[in-house]
């Protein structure tokens, strides 16, 4: 399975917010923001803080793709 945060970046664009603004408002570390940029797993707490800042649901910022090996 692969995680994608492309929807998160689209939300930021729609709300005219930078990654730095999100990091500060959601109290995220730079390492966490880097993980998001690399589509790596982060804690549920982090996702909930982002949702609170963006006033959205988790499904609006993350997509889990089921990729089967061939």
Protein backbone atom coordinates (compact mmCIF):
# COMPACT_ATOMS: atom_id res chain seq x y z
CA UNK A 1 0.00 0.00 0.00
CA UNK A 2 1.17 3.51 -0.77
CA UNK A 3 0.21 6.76 0.91
CA UNK A 4 -0.23 9.98 -1.02
CA UNK A 5 -0.61 13.46 0.44
CA UNK A 6 -1.28 15.13 -2.93
CA UNK A 7 -4.72 16.14 -1.67
CA UNK A 8 -3.07 17.93 1.25
CA UNK A 9 -0.94 20.05 -1.07
CA UNK A 10 -4.03 20.88 -3.16
CA UNK A 11 -5.84 21.95 0.03
CA UNK A 12 -2.96 24.30 0.85
CA UNK A 13 -3.14 25.86 -2.61
CA UNK A 14 -6.91 26.27 -2.35
CA UNK A 15 -6.56 27.96 1.05
CA UNK A 16 -3.61 30.09 -0.12
CA UNK A 17 -1.41 28.67 2.64
CA UNK A 18 2.28 27.79 2.50
CA UNK A 19 3.83 24.66 3.96
CA UNK A 20 5.59 26.85 6.50
CA UNK A 21 2.29 28.40 7.59
CA UNK A 22 0.80 24.93 7.98
CA UNK A 23 3.81 23.76 9.96
CA UNK A 24 3.54 26.65 12.38
CA UNK A 25 -0.25 26.57 12.79
CA UNK A 26 -0.39 22.78 13.25
CA UNK A 27 2.74 22.75 15.45
CA UNK A 28 4.60 20.34 13.18
CA UNK A 29 8.31 19.72 13.15
CA UNK A 30 10.39 20.14 10.04
CA UNK A 31 11.07 16.38 9.99
CA UNK A 32 7.31 15.69 9.98
CA UNK A 33 6.79 18.09 7.11
CA UNK A 34 9.62 16.35 5.25
CA UNK A 35 7.91 12.98 5.79
CA UNK A 36 4.69 14.38 4.36
CA UNK A 37 6.62 15.66 1.35
CA UNK A 38 8.02 12.17 0.78
CA UNK A 39 4.60 10.48 1.19
CA UNK A 40 5.80 8.66 4.30
CA UNK A 41 3.63 7.63 7.23
CA UNK A 42 2.99 10.12 10.03
CA UNK A 43 0.97 9.72 13.21
CA UNK A 44 -2.78 10.06 13.36
CA UNK A 45 -2.28 12.95 15.80
CA UNK A 46 -0.38 14.87 13.11
CA UNK A 47 -3.11 14.26 10.55
CA UNK A 48 -5.80 15.40 13.01
CA UNK A 49 -3.90 18.62 13.78
CA UNK A 50 -3.59 19.34 10.06
CA UNK A 51 -7.32 18.70 9.60
CA UNK A 52 -8.12 21.08 12.44
CA UNK A 53 -6.04 23.85 10.87
CA UNK A 54 -7.47 23.26 7.38
CA UNK A 55 -11.00 22.63 8.70
CA UNK A 56 -11.33 19.43 6.70
CA UNK A 57 -11.66 15.66 7.07
CA UNK A 58 -8.76 13.19 6.95
CA UNK A 59 -10.05 11.85 3.64
CA UNK A 60 -9.51 15.36 2.22
CA UNK A 61 -5.74 15.25 2.83
CA UNK A 62 -4.63 11.63 2.45
CA UNK A 63 -5.13 8.86 -0.07
CA UNK A 64 -4.14 5.23 0.46
CA UNK A 65 -3.51 3.37 -2.77
CA UNK A 66 -3.56 -0.40 -2.78
CA UNK A 67 -0.70 -1.44 -5.06
CA UNK A 68 -0.29 -5.15 -5.58
CA UNK A 69 3.07 -6.56 -6.57
CA UNK A 70 3.12 -8.22 -9.96
